[in-house]
Every structure is written in structure tokens, then in C-alpha cells.
Amino acid sequence: MKPVQLVVVGSIGLDTIETPHAKKNEILGGSVSYACASASFFVPTGMVGVVGTDFPEPCVDVYRHFGINLDGLQKCHGKTFRWSGIYEQDMNNRRTLATELNVLETFMPELPDDYTRAPFLFLANIAPQLQLHVLSQVKSPKFVAADTMDLWINIAPNPLRDVIAAVDLLTLNESEARLLAGEKNLVRAAKKILEWGPKYVIIKKGEHGAMLFSENDVFVVPAYPLEQVFDPTGAGDTFAGGLMGALSEWGHVNEAALCKAMGYGSVVASFGVEDFSLGRLQKLSRTEINHRFAAFKRLTHFDAVEVR
């Protein structure tokens, strides 16, 4: 097996989801599942997460299908994290029905030795205290990205600020950016967050794409246009996984590389929302990704972005 180039740390869950199209019970979900599956199209990816003794073996087989390294997958006595939610006709609006932390409540991520030397690290959405614990274990990573959410902004602002200061890239959605920075304007919000330490901030805007901010520049990437979305759950994690996978494949990071990697993230995420859970990604090939990225370039003039 090839050495892991990208490590992803976050949640693994069983989701019950209802959209205008259908309802699915206890399907594979969690930030790690989406991000690792997406990244696996680009580089050998290692997973760090926790499941309970009730975690279905077919879900592990899904991870194996993507070739994900499972040395960091912990199994603890108890039940796997569960989330349930319902999407309105406008699937930008979602209502959480239930959240059961179960084994995730006592999760303490420990990296296998070879993971600590991986050059790229993505800290998906977990408590910032756990993100800091992971950061204490890695050895001179080339590039570290982190995600967060409104919960941690509200209940753990100090450790979250420590995470932000320690990473190269912070990703969050537009409402979270406004809440974190205390600014309604996204440009001012991003500039304020950049002052806290990261080199880059990406603000995700759902079906309207994403914005990359650095000290001197702003770059906007649209979402790939789709006729129909079946399940938007995990789209942000799929986007981040594709982005980090592309960067890891190229082995270097600058603004041009990040811009192009955002394009790949957008493309893989566009496939992911075409089915529930990882269903569409399981049928996906790198050739399809490349073909859709070529179409994306024609739509957006992405061919002007050169990675050097």
C-alpha cells in the first residue's frame, strides 16, 4: 500500500435523511466519510474517526472500495454517532431532527505513526479541542486545513481561535463566517479571520460556490450547475476532500493551486449530491471527474488558472 499523503480527521455517522425525493434510514455519513471518499480519487488517504460496535460491515466495505487507509479507524463499545434531518423543497434549508453523539462524545483521535508524517492534513468538523490534539501529534506537515461550525464558535471560541492560528486554511460557510468574525460583510469577515493567523480562508456558499480569501486577493469559484440535487448532505466535506486531494496530488500549495483545487472540489461535490450518501461517488471514476472539470473550465474560464 502506498504511503498516506493526506490524513482526514472528523466524524463518522449513520444518517437518516429525508429530501423532497426520498427518505433514507441509517445511511453512511459523517465528515470523514465524505472527505476521504472525495480525496481518494487523487491520493492515498488515511481516515481517523470512531465508530461503535453496531457499525455495519458493509459500510467498512464502502471505505475499502475507495482504497481508504483504515489504520486510524477506531471501534469502541457502544453505538455509532447518528444524525437525522429533513430538507425542505428549497434544499438550502435543512432542519435537524435528532443528534446522538454516542461514541463520538468520548472520541480522542490518535494518529498511527505513519499518519503523523503525512504532508497534508484536513481537520474536518469536530470539537476544536480534538483538532488541537491532532495538531500536537503531526510532524511538520506541509499544509493543514480545518473546518468548523457554529456550535464550536458559540461554545468553544478560545480553543477554536487556537486552531485558526495554527492552520494554513480555514473553511466555513457564510453564516459561520459572519458569526465568527462578528461582521455581516463577508469580505470584512474574511479579512478579520485572516488577521488571526491562517494564510487562506474559504467561505462556502452552497449552490453559489465558494470564495477564497488571502492577504491580497479574492477568488470566487461557482458551484457546477446541476439540473437536480438528490441529497446535499456532506457536500461541503466532499468539496474540501476534493480540494485537499488535488493539492496533495500536486504536492505544493500556492494561490493558483488553491484556486484550481477549488474547481476540482466543486466538481466532485457536484457528483456527490446526485445521490444519497456516497452512492454516486462509488460509481464515479477519475475520468468522469476530469471530463466534468474540462466542462467546468469552459463554463468559468478556469483555463486561465495556471498551477506553477
C-alpha atoms as a PDB file:
ATOM      1  CA  MET A   1       0.000   0.000   0.000  1.00  0.00           C
ATOM      2  CA  LYS A   2       1.295   3.457  -0.911  1.00  0.00           C
ATOM      3  CA  PRO A   3       2.154   5.867   1.924  1.00  0.00           C
ATOM      4  CA  VAL A   4      -0.707   8.075   3.060  1.00  0.00           C
ATOM      5  CA  GLN A   5      -0.370  11.573   1.615  1.00  0.00           C
ATOM      6  CA  LEU A   6      -3.489  13.094   3.183  1.00  0.00           C
ATOM      7  CA  VAL A   7      -4.978  12.427   6.612  1.00  0.00           C
ATOM      8  CA  VAL A   8      -8.588  13.354   7.366  1.00  0.00           C
ATOM      9  CA  VAL A   9      -9.885  13.538  10.946  1.00  0.00           C
ATOM     10  CA  GLY A  10     -13.545  14.015  11.802  1.00  0.00           C
ATOM     11  CA  SER A  11     -16.895  12.325  12.386  1.00  0.00           C
ATOM     12  CA  ILE A  12     -18.362   9.079  11.092  1.00  0.00           C
ATOM     13  CA  GLY A  13     -22.094   8.581  11.382  1.00  0.00           C
ATOM     14  CA  LEU A  14     -25.251   6.844  10.334  1.00  0.00           C
ATOM     15  CA  ASP A  15     -27.681   9.394   8.913  1.00  0.00           C
ATOM     16  CA  THR A  16     -31.443   9.326   8.480  1.00  0.00           C
ATOM     17  CA  ILE A  17     -32.248  11.851   5.769  1.00  0.00           C
ATOM     18  CA  GLU A  18     -35.437  13.000   4.103  1.00  0.00           C
ATOM     19  CA  THR A  19     -35.363  15.168   0.992  1.00  0.00           C
ATOM     20  CA  PRO A  20     -38.158  16.070  -1.444  1.00  0.00           C
ATOM     21  CA  HIS A  21     -37.074  12.998  -3.432  1.00  0.00           C
ATOM     22  CA  ALA A  22     -36.988  10.219  -0.817  1.00  0.00           C
ATOM     23  CA  LYS A  23     -36.203   9.200   2.744  1.00  0.00           C
ATOM     24  CA  LYS A  24     -33.233   7.010   3.638  1.00  0.00           C
ATOM     25  CA  ASN A  25     -32.638   5.417   7.036  1.00  0.00           C
ATOM     26  CA  GLU A  26     -29.242   4.993   8.707  1.00  0.00           C
ATOM     27  CA  ILE A  27     -27.044   5.522   5.671  1.00  0.00           C
ATOM     28  CA  LEU A  28     -23.320   6.116   5.849  1.00  0.00           C
ATOM     29  CA  GLY A  29     -22.421   9.713   6.648  1.00  0.00           C
ATOM     30  CA  GLY A  30     -20.088  11.919   8.649  1.00  0.00           C
ATOM     31  CA  SER A  31     -17.472  14.445   7.584  1.00  0.00           C
ATOM     32  CA  VAL A  32     -14.681  11.857   7.345  1.00  0.00           C
ATOM     33  CA  SER A  33     -16.712   9.580   5.082  1.00  0.00           C
ATOM     34  CA  TYR A  34     -17.402  12.286   2.502  1.00  0.00           C
ATOM     35  CA  ALA A  35     -13.981  13.948   2.630  1.00  0.00           C
ATOM     36  CA  CYS A  36     -11.988  10.700   2.429  1.00  0.00           C
ATOM     37  CA  ALA A  37     -14.083   9.303  -0.410  1.00  0.00           C
ATOM     38  CA  SER A  38     -13.629  12.524  -2.389  1.00  0.00           C
ATOM     39  CA  ALA A  39      -9.891  12.790  -1.729  1.00  0.00           C
ATOM     40  CA  SER A  40      -9.293   9.148  -2.624  1.00  0.00           C
ATOM     41  CA  PHE A  41      -9.679   9.935  -6.332  1.00  0.00           C
ATOM     42  CA  PHE A  42      -6.436  11.910  -6.114  1.00  0.00           C
ATOM     43  CA  VAL A  43      -4.101  10.458  -3.453  1.00  0.00           C
ATOM     44  CA  PRO A  44      -3.747   7.702  -0.841  1.00  0.00           C
ATOM     45  CA  THR A  45      -5.892   8.959   2.035  1.00  0.00           C
ATOM     46  CA  GLY A  46      -5.941   7.953   5.696  1.00  0.00           C
ATOM     47  CA  MET A  47      -9.062   8.091   7.865  1.00  0.00           C
ATOM     48  CA  VAL A  48      -9.183   8.957  11.575  1.00  0.00           C
ATOM     49  CA  GLY A  49     -12.585   8.533  13.188  1.00  0.00           C
ATOM     50  CA  VAL A  50     -14.585   6.418  15.616  1.00  0.00           C
ATOM     51  CA  VAL A  51     -17.493   4.014  15.194  1.00  0.00           C
ATOM     52  CA  GLY A  52     -19.441   1.844  17.583  1.00  0.00           C
ATOM     53  CA  THR A  53     -19.760  -1.917  17.730  1.00  0.00           C
ATOM     54  CA  ASP A  54     -23.017  -1.556  15.776  1.00  0.00           C
ATOM     55  CA  PHE A  55     -21.301  -0.059  12.727  1.00  0.00           C
ATOM     56  CA  PRO A  56     -22.336  -2.152   9.707  1.00  0.00           C
ATOM     57  CA  GLU A  57     -19.589  -4.098   7.953  1.00  0.00           C
ATOM     58  CA  PRO A  58     -20.974  -3.112   4.517  1.00  0.00           C
ATOM     59  CA  CYS A  59     -20.082   0.497   5.429  1.00  0.00           C
ATOM     60  CA  VAL A  60     -16.478  -0.574   6.050  1.00  0.00           C
ATOM     61  CA  ASP A  61     -16.585  -2.260   2.653  1.00  0.00           C
ATOM     62  CA  VAL A  62     -17.542   1.107   1.146  1.00  0.00           C
ATOM     63  CA  TYR A  63     -14.372   2.617   2.601  1.00  0.00           C
ATOM     64  CA  ARG A  64     -12.351  -0.272   1.189  1.00  0.00           C
ATOM     65  CA  HIS A  65     -13.942   0.339  -2.220  1.00  0.00           C
ATOM     66  CA  PHE A  66     -12.310   3.785  -2.235  1.00  0.00           C
ATOM     67  CA  GLY A  67      -8.968   2.363  -1.120  1.00  0.00           C
ATOM     68  CA  ILE A  68      -9.030   4.459   2.060  1.00  0.00           C
ATOM     69  CA  ASN A  69      -6.379   3.527   4.623  1.00  0.00           C
ATOM     70  CA  LEU A  70      -8.283   2.448   7.755  1.00  0.00           C
ATOM     71  CA  ASP A  71      -5.403   2.222  10.240  1.00  0.00           C
ATOM     72  CA  GLY A  72      -6.827   5.245  12.050  1.00  0.00           C
ATOM     73  CA  LEU A  73     -10.395   3.932  12.266  1.00  0.00           C
ATOM     74  CA  GLN A  74     -11.268   3.248  15.918  1.00  0.00           C
ATOM     75  CA  LYS A  75     -14.044   0.942  17.065  1.00  0.00           C
ATOM     76  CA  CYS A  76     -15.370   1.474  20.584  1.00  0.00           C
ATOM     77  CA  HIS A  77     -18.005  -0.298  22.642  1.00  0.00           C
ATOM     78  CA  GLY A  78     -21.319   1.454  22.174  1.00  0.00           C
ATOM     79  CA  LYS A  79     -23.376   2.978  19.386  1.00  0.00           C
ATOM     80  CA  THR A  80     -22.158   4.903  16.358  1.00  0.00           C
ATOM     81  CA  PHE A  81     -22.899   8.638  16.061  1.00  0.00           C
ATOM     82  CA  ARG A  82     -26.295   9.269  14.483  1.00  0.00           C
ATOM     83  CA  TRP A  83     -27.878  12.310  12.848  1.00  0.00           C
ATOM     84  CA  SER A  84     -31.279  12.785  11.264  1.00  0.00           C
ATOM     85  CA  GLY A  85     -32.621  15.711   9.304  1.00  0.00           C
ATOM     86  CA  ILE A  86     -35.144  16.831   6.746  1.00  0.00           C
ATOM     87  CA  TYR A  87     -34.651  19.109   3.747  1.00  0.00           C
ATOM     88  CA  GLU A  88     -37.320  21.496   2.512  1.00  0.00           C
ATOM     89  CA  GLN A  89     -38.274  21.883  -1.151  1.00  0.00           C
ATOM     90  CA  ASP A  90     -35.539  24.510  -1.313  1.00  0.00           C
ATOM     91  CA  MET A  91     -32.742  22.222  -0.177  1.00  0.00           C
ATOM     92  CA  ASN A  92     -30.669  25.138   1.041  1.00  0.00           C
ATOM     93  CA  ASN A  93     -32.943  24.862   4.092  1.00  0.00           C
ATOM     94  CA  ARG A  94     -32.481  21.906   6.395  1.00  0.00           C
ATOM     95  CA  ARG A  95     -33.916  21.031   9.793  1.00  0.00           C
ATOM     96  CA  THR A  96     -32.098  18.758  12.233  1.00  0.00           C
ATOM     97  CA  LEU A  97     -34.458  16.285  13.891  1.00  0.00           C
ATOM     98  CA  ALA A  98     -32.039  14.462  16.185  1.00  0.00           C
ATOM     99  CA  THR A  99     -28.358  14.205  17.024  1.00  0.00           C
ATOM    100  CA  GLU A 100     -26.986  11.298  19.065  1.00  0.00           C
ATOM    101  CA  LEU A 101     -23.255  11.648  19.785  1.00  0.00           C
ATOM    102  CA  ASN A 102     -22.847   8.135  21.253  1.00  0.00           C
ATOM    103  CA  VAL A 103     -19.180   7.019  20.904  1.00  0.00           C
ATOM    104  CA  LEU A 104     -18.265  10.351  19.306  1.00  0.00           C
ATOM    105  CA  GLU A 105     -18.841  12.007  22.699  1.00  0.00           C
ATOM    106  CA  THR A 106     -15.687  10.415  24.156  1.00  0.00           C
ATOM    107  CA  PHE A 107     -13.667  10.254  20.921  1.00  0.00           C
ATOM    108  CA  MET A 108      -9.966  11.017  21.346  1.00  0.00           C
ATOM    109  CA  PRO A 109      -8.256  10.855  17.924  1.00  0.00           C
ATOM    110  CA  GLU A 110      -4.905   9.089  17.925  1.00  0.00           C
ATOM    111  CA  LEU A 111      -2.840   9.036  14.758  1.00  0.00           C
ATOM    112  CA  PRO A 112      -0.994   5.923  13.621  1.00  0.00           C
ATOM    113  CA  ASP A 113       2.723   6.619  13.398  1.00  0.00           C
ATOM    114  CA  ASP A 114       2.830   6.842   9.599  1.00  0.00           C
ATOM    115  CA  TYR A 115      -0.109   9.289   9.631  1.00  0.00           C
ATOM    116  CA  THR A 116       1.925  11.723  11.755  1.00  0.00           C
ATOM    117  CA  ARG A 117       4.337  12.137   8.834  1.00  0.00           C
ATOM    118  CA  ALA A 118       1.718  12.725   6.122  1.00  0.00           C
ATOM    119  CA  PRO A 119       2.349  16.033   4.322  1.00  0.00           C
ATOM    120  CA  PHE A 120      -1.307  17.108   4.157  1.00  0.00           C
ATOM    121  CA  LEU A 121      -3.909  17.170   6.936  1.00  0.00           C
ATOM    122  CA  PHE A 122      -7.602  18.065   6.912  1.00  0.00           C
ATOM    123  CA  LEU A 123      -9.250  18.636  10.285  1.00  0.00           C
ATOM    124  CA  ALA A 124     -12.904  18.146   9.444  1.00  0.00           C
ATOM    125  CA  ASN A 125     -15.700  19.332  11.699  1.00  0.00           C
ATOM    126  CA  ILE A 126     -15.069  18.113  15.249  1.00  0.00           C
ATOM    127  CA  ALA A 127     -14.505  19.925  18.547  1.00  0.00           C
ATOM    128  CA  PRO A 128     -11.554  22.324  18.317  1.00  0.00           C
ATOM    129  CA  GLN A 129     -10.013  20.710  21.397  1.00  0.00           C
ATOM    130  CA  LEU A 130      -9.770  17.474  19.398  1.00  0.00           C
ATOM    131  CA  GLN A 131      -8.389  19.329  16.384  1.00  0.00           C
ATOM    132  CA  LEU A 132      -5.661  20.747  18.641  1.00  0.00           C
ATOM    133  CA  HIS A 133      -4.957  17.243  19.968  1.00  0.00           C
ATOM    134  CA  VAL A 134      -4.390  16.040  16.416  1.00  0.00           C
ATOM    135  CA  LEU A 135      -2.161  19.024  15.626  1.00  0.00           C
ATOM    136  CA  SER A 136       0.014  18.099  18.603  1.00  0.00           C
ATOM    137  CA  GLN A 137       0.711  14.708  17.007  1.00  0.00           C
ATOM    138  CA  VAL A 138       1.703  15.672  13.456  1.00  0.00           C
ATOM    139  CA  LYS A 139       5.310  16.216  12.413  1.00  0.00           C
ATOM    140  CA  SER A 140       5.994  19.188  10.132  1.00  0.00           C
ATOM    141  CA  PRO A 141       3.012  18.897   7.763  1.00  0.00           C
ATOM    142  CA  LYS A 142       3.257  20.819   4.516  1.00  0.00           C
ATOM    143  CA  PHE A 143      -0.336  22.118   4.609  1.00  0.00           C
ATOM    144  CA  VAL A 144      -3.137  21.923   7.185  1.00  0.00           C
ATOM    145  CA  ALA A 145      -6.775  22.866   6.622  1.00  0.00           C
ATOM    146  CA  ALA A 146      -9.565  22.945   9.193  1.00  0.00           C
ATOM    147  CA  ASP A 147     -13.335  23.172   9.100  1.00  0.00           C
ATOM    148  CA  THR A 148     -15.648  24.327  11.883  1.00  0.00           C
ATOM    149  CA  MET A 149     -19.302  25.103  12.635  1.00  0.00           C
ATOM    150  CA  ASP A 150     -21.497  27.481  14.604  1.00  0.00           C
ATOM    151  CA  LEU A 151     -21.634  25.145  17.624  1.00  0.00           C
ATOM    152  CA  TRP A 152     -17.897  25.463  18.275  1.00  0.00           C
ATOM    153  CA  ILE A 153     -17.950  29.189  17.546  1.00  0.00           C
ATOM    154  CA  ASN A 154     -20.529  29.574  20.315  1.00  0.00           C
ATOM    155  CA  ILE A 155     -19.295  27.131  22.981  1.00  0.00           C
ATOM    156  CA  ALA A 156     -15.521  26.839  22.375  1.00  0.00           C
ATOM    157  CA  PRO A 157     -14.305  30.175  20.988  1.00  0.00           C
ATOM    158  CA  ASN A 158     -10.879  30.154  22.663  1.00  0.00           C
ATOM    159  CA  PRO A 159      -9.673  26.711  21.502  1.00  0.00           C
ATOM    160  CA  LEU A 160     -11.163  27.469  18.088  1.00  0.00           C
ATOM    161  CA  ARG A 161      -9.056  30.617  17.870  1.00  0.00           C
ATOM    162  CA  ASP A 162      -6.012  28.466  18.740  1.00  0.00           C
ATOM    163  CA  VAL A 163      -6.871  26.128  15.861  1.00  0.00           C
ATOM    164  CA  ILE A 164      -7.333  29.030  13.455  1.00  0.00           C
ATOM    165  CA  ALA A 165      -3.943  30.434  14.408  1.00  0.00           C
ATOM    166  CA  ALA A 166      -2.250  27.082  13.819  1.00  0.00           C
ATOM    167  CA  VAL A 167      -3.622  26.094  10.393  1.00  0.00           C
ATOM    168  CA  ASP A 168      -2.933  27.275   6.850  1.00  0.00           C
ATOM    169  CA  LEU A 169      -6.558  27.263   5.671  1.00  0.00           C
ATOM    170  CA  LEU A 170      -9.888  27.655   7.443  1.00  0.00           C
ATOM    171  CA  THR A 171     -13.103  26.627   5.685  1.00  0.00           C
ATOM    172  CA  LEU A 172     -16.568  27.592   6.902  1.00  0.00           C
ATOM    173  CA  ASN A 173     -19.910  28.625   5.466  1.00  0.00           C
ATOM    174  CA  GLU A 174     -21.116  32.188   5.129  1.00  0.00           C
ATOM    175  CA  SER A 175     -23.316  32.288   8.246  1.00  0.00           C
ATOM    176  CA  GLU A 176     -20.462  30.803  10.289  1.00  0.00           C
ATOM    177  CA  ALA A 177     -18.015  33.366   8.888  1.00  0.00           C
ATOM    178  CA  ARG A 178     -20.317  36.202   9.923  1.00  0.00           C
ATOM    179  CA  LEU A 179     -20.825  34.706  13.388  1.00  0.00           C
ATOM    180  CA  LEU A 180     -17.133  34.036  13.946  1.00  0.00           C
ATOM    181  CA  ALA A 181     -15.935  37.454  12.834  1.00  0.00           C
ATOM    182  CA  GLY A 182     -18.892  39.481  14.062  1.00  0.00           C
ATOM    183  CA  GLU A 183     -19.156  41.049  10.617  1.00  0.00           C
ATOM    184  CA  LYS A 184     -22.122  40.970   8.231  1.00  0.00           C
ATOM    185  CA  ASN A 185     -19.986  41.665   5.158  1.00  0.00           C
ATOM    186  CA  LEU A 186     -18.145  38.533   4.037  1.00  0.00           C
ATOM    187  CA  VAL A 187     -15.092  40.413   2.753  1.00  0.00           C
ATOM    188  CA  ARG A 188     -14.627  42.162   6.091  1.00  0.00           C
ATOM    189  CA  ALA A 189     -15.301  38.895   7.921  1.00  0.00           C
ATOM    190  CA  ALA A 190     -12.651  37.036   5.919  1.00  0.00           C
ATOM    191  CA  LYS A 191     -10.084  39.811   6.394  1.00  0.00           C
ATOM    192  CA  LYS A 192     -10.648  39.727  10.145  1.00  0.00           C
ATOM    193  CA  ILE A 193     -10.204  35.939  10.280  1.00  0.00           C
ATOM    194  CA  LEU A 194      -7.018  36.188   8.218  1.00  0.00           C
ATOM    195  CA  GLU A 195      -5.608  38.518  10.869  1.00  0.00           C
ATOM    196  CA  TRP A 196      -5.860  35.643  13.359  1.00  0.00           C
ATOM    197  CA  GLY A 197      -3.239  33.563  11.567  1.00  0.00           C
ATOM    198  CA  PRO A 198      -4.293  31.426   8.595  1.00  0.00           C
ATOM    199  CA  LYS A 199      -2.890  32.176   5.148  1.00  0.00           C
ATOM    200  CA  TYR A 200      -6.221  31.431   3.465  1.00  0.00           C
ATOM    201  CA  VAL A 201      -9.931  31.430   4.271  1.00  0.00           C
ATOM    202  CA  ILE A 202     -12.546  29.695   2.121  1.00  0.00           C
ATOM    203  CA  ILE A 203     -16.166  30.702   2.652  1.00  0.00           C
ATOM    204  CA  LYS A 204     -18.567  28.107   1.264  1.00  0.00           C
ATOM    205  CA  LYS A 205     -21.792  29.425  -0.257  1.00  0.00           C
ATOM    206  CA  GLY A 206     -23.624  26.192  -1.117  1.00  0.00           C
ATOM    207  CA  GLU A 207     -25.174  26.233  -4.576  1.00  0.00           C
ATOM    208  CA  HIS A 208     -23.494  29.606  -5.141  1.00  0.00           C
ATOM    209  CA  GLY A 209     -19.970  28.188  -4.919  1.00  0.00           C
ATOM    210  CA  ALA A 210     -17.129  29.329  -2.671  1.00  0.00           C
ATOM    211  CA  MET A 211     -14.843  32.301  -2.094  1.00  0.00           C
ATOM    212  CA  LEU A 212     -11.101  32.089  -1.418  1.00  0.00           C
ATOM    213  CA  PHE A 213      -9.518  34.923   0.537  1.00  0.00           C
ATOM    214  CA  SER A 214      -5.826  35.579   1.061  1.00  0.00           C
ATOM    215  CA  GLU A 215      -3.993  38.643   2.289  1.00  0.00           C
ATOM    216  CA  ASN A 216      -4.030  40.343  -1.091  1.00  0.00           C
ATOM    217  CA  ASP A 217      -6.632  38.606  -3.223  1.00  0.00           C
ATOM    218  CA  VAL A 218     -10.153  37.197  -3.532  1.00  0.00           C
ATOM    219  CA  PHE A 219     -11.098  34.353  -5.882  1.00  0.00           C
ATOM    220  CA  VAL A 220     -14.657  33.134  -6.483  1.00  0.00           C
ATOM    221  CA  VAL A 221     -15.491  29.638  -7.735  1.00  0.00           C
ATOM    222  CA  PRO A 222     -19.102  28.844  -8.699  1.00  0.00           C
ATOM    223  CA  ALA A 223     -20.796  25.555  -7.999  1.00  0.00           C
ATOM    224  CA  TYR A 224     -21.107  23.266 -11.011  1.00  0.00           C
ATOM    225  CA  PRO A 225     -24.657  23.760 -12.388  1.00  0.00           C
ATOM    226  CA  LEU A 226     -26.934  20.751 -11.963  1.00  0.00           C
ATOM    227  CA  GLU A 227     -30.481  20.064 -13.122  1.00  0.00           C
ATOM    228  CA  GLN A 228     -31.326  18.136  -9.971  1.00  0.00           C
ATOM    229  CA  VAL A 229     -29.890  17.629  -6.491  1.00  0.00           C
ATOM    230  CA  PHE A 230     -30.941  14.496  -4.608  1.00  0.00           C
ATOM    231  CA  ASP A 231     -29.099  14.932  -1.298  1.00  0.00           C
ATOM    232  CA  PRO A 232     -26.844  17.872  -0.378  1.00  0.00           C
ATOM    233  CA  THR A 233     -25.665  16.269   2.868  1.00  0.00           C
ATOM    234  CA  GLY A 234     -21.878  16.255   3.067  1.00  0.00           C
ATOM    235  CA  ALA A 235     -21.406  18.498   0.028  1.00  0.00           C
ATOM    236  CA  GLY A 236     -19.072  20.808   1.938  1.00  0.00           C
ATOM    237  CA  ASP A 237     -16.948  17.892   3.138  1.00  0.00           C
ATOM    238  CA  THR A 238     -16.877  16.419  -0.365  1.00  0.00           C
ATOM    239  CA  PHE A 239     -15.738  19.805  -1.673  1.00  0.00           C
ATOM    240  CA  ALA A 240     -12.996  20.016   0.960  1.00  0.00           C
ATOM    241  CA  GLY A 241     -11.883  16.435   0.314  1.00  0.00           C
ATOM    242  CA  GLY A 242     -11.586  17.038  -3.423  1.00  0.00           C
ATOM    243  CA  LEU A 243      -9.723  20.278  -2.825  1.00  0.00           C
ATOM    244  CA  MET A 244      -7.265  18.722  -0.364  1.00  0.00           C
ATOM    245  CA  GLY A 245      -6.878  15.621  -2.534  1.00  0.00           C
ATOM    246  CA  ALA A 246      -5.931  17.711  -5.572  1.00  0.00           C
ATOM    247  CA  LEU A 247      -3.431  19.776  -3.563  1.00  0.00           C
ATOM    248  CA  SER A 248      -1.916  16.592  -2.147  1.00  0.00           C
ATOM    249  CA  GLU A 249      -1.589  15.100  -5.614  1.00  0.00           C
ATOM    250  CA  TRP A 250       0.288  18.163  -6.861  1.00  0.00           C
ATOM    251  CA  GLY A 251       2.414  18.269  -3.706  1.00  0.00           C
ATOM    252  CA  HIS A 252       2.595  22.050  -3.359  1.00  0.00           C
ATOM    253  CA  VAL A 253       0.356  24.933  -2.403  1.00  0.00           C
ATOM    254  CA  ASN A 254       0.091  28.482  -3.698  1.00  0.00           C
ATOM    255  CA  GLU A 255      -2.860  30.665  -4.607  1.00  0.00           C
ATOM    256  CA  ALA A 256      -3.064  29.361  -8.166  1.00  0.00           C
ATOM    257  CA  ALA A 257      -3.012  25.758  -6.960  1.00  0.00           C
ATOM    258  CA  LEU A 258      -5.701  26.505  -4.385  1.00  0.00           C
ATOM    259  CA  CYS A 259      -7.922  28.141  -6.998  1.00  0.00           C
ATOM    260  CA  LYS A 260      -7.670  25.154  -9.318  1.00  0.00           C
ATOM    261  CA  ALA A 261      -8.121  22.713  -6.420  1.00  0.00           C
ATOM    262  CA  MET A 262     -11.345  24.522  -5.517  1.00  0.00           C
ATOM    263  CA  GLY A 263     -12.532  23.757  -9.033  1.00  0.00           C
ATOM    264  CA  TYR A 264     -11.873  20.059  -8.524  1.00  0.00           C
ATOM    265  CA  GLY A 265     -13.591  20.221  -5.138  1.00  0.00           C
ATOM    266  CA  SER A 266     -16.643  21.812  -6.721  1.00  0.00           C
ATOM    267  CA  VAL A 267     -16.743  19.176  -9.451  1.00  0.00           C
ATOM    268  CA  VAL A 268     -16.503  16.177  -7.102  1.00  0.00           C
ATOM    269  CA  ALA A 269     -19.123  17.730  -4.814  1.00  0.00           C
ATOM    270  CA  SER A 270     -21.432  18.126  -7.826  1.00  0.00           C
ATOM    271  CA  PHE A 271     -21.281  14.369  -8.350  1.00  0.00           C
ATOM    272  CA  GLY A 272     -21.779  13.653  -4.657  1.00  0.00           C
ATOM    273  CA  VAL A 273     -25.142  15.422  -4.411  1.00  0.00           C
ATOM    274  CA  GLU A 274     -26.573  13.376  -7.297  1.00  0.00           C
ATOM    275  CA  ASP A 275     -27.380  10.523  -4.896  1.00  0.00           C
ATOM    276  CA  PHE A 276     -27.740   9.804  -1.199  1.00  0.00           C
ATOM    277  CA  SER A 277     -24.708   9.121   0.975  1.00  0.00           C
ATOM    278  CA  LEU A 278     -21.673   8.012  -1.079  1.00  0.00           C
ATOM    279  CA  GLY A 279     -23.796   6.263  -3.708  1.00  0.00           C
ATOM    280  CA  ARG A 280     -22.789   8.426  -6.657  1.00  0.00           C
ATOM    281  CA  LEU A 281     -19.154   8.637  -5.599  1.00  0.00           C
ATOM    282  CA  GLN A 282     -18.985   4.832  -5.503  1.00  0.00           C
ATOM    283  CA  LYS A 283     -19.823   4.786  -9.211  1.00  0.00           C
ATOM    284  CA  LEU A 284     -17.534   7.671 -10.074  1.00  0.00           C
ATOM    285  CA  SER A 285     -14.231   7.475 -11.963  1.00  0.00           C
ATOM    286  CA  ARG A 286     -11.341   9.884 -12.274  1.00  0.00           C
ATOM    287  CA  THR A 287     -12.091  10.053 -15.994  1.00  0.00           C
ATOM    288  CA  GLU A 288     -15.594  11.394 -15.252  1.00  0.00           C
ATOM    289  CA  ILE A 289     -14.095  13.931 -12.845  1.00  0.00           C
ATOM    290  CA  ASN A 290     -11.648  15.101 -15.494  1.00  0.00           C
ATOM    291  CA  HIS A 291     -14.365  15.375 -18.144  1.00  0.00           C
ATOM    292  CA  ARG A 292     -16.626  17.435 -15.865  1.00  0.00           C
ATOM    293  CA  PHE A 293     -13.682  19.598 -14.826  1.00  0.00           C
ATOM    294  CA  ALA A 294     -12.996  20.289 -18.504  1.00  0.00           C
ATOM    295  CA  ALA A 295     -16.634  21.374 -18.892  1.00  0.00           C
ATOM    296  CA  PHE A 296     -16.284  23.462 -15.732  1.00  0.00           C
ATOM    297  CA  LYS A 297     -13.278  25.217 -17.251  1.00  0.00           C
ATOM    298  CA  ARG A 298     -15.272  26.086 -20.359  1.00  0.00           C
ATOM    299  CA  LEU A 299     -18.111  27.473 -18.246  1.00  0.00           C
ATOM    300  CA  THR A 300     -15.912  29.539 -15.952  1.00  0.00           C
ATOM    301  CA  HIS A 301     -12.778  30.312 -17.982  1.00  0.00           C
ATOM    302  CA  PHE A 302     -10.896  28.268 -15.427  1.00  0.00           C
ATOM    303  CA  ASP A 303      -8.277  27.596 -18.103  1.00  0.00           C
ATOM    304  CA  ALA A 304      -6.807  30.988 -17.151  1.00  0.00           C
ATOM    305  CA  VAL A 305      -5.646  29.493 -13.848  1.00  0.00           C
ATOM    306  CA  GLU A 306      -2.168  28.028 -14.169  1.00  0.00           C
ATOM    307  CA  VAL A 307      -0.665  25.904 -11.396  1.00  0.00           C
ATOM    308  CA  ARG A 308       3.054  26.503 -11.033  1.00  0.00           C
END
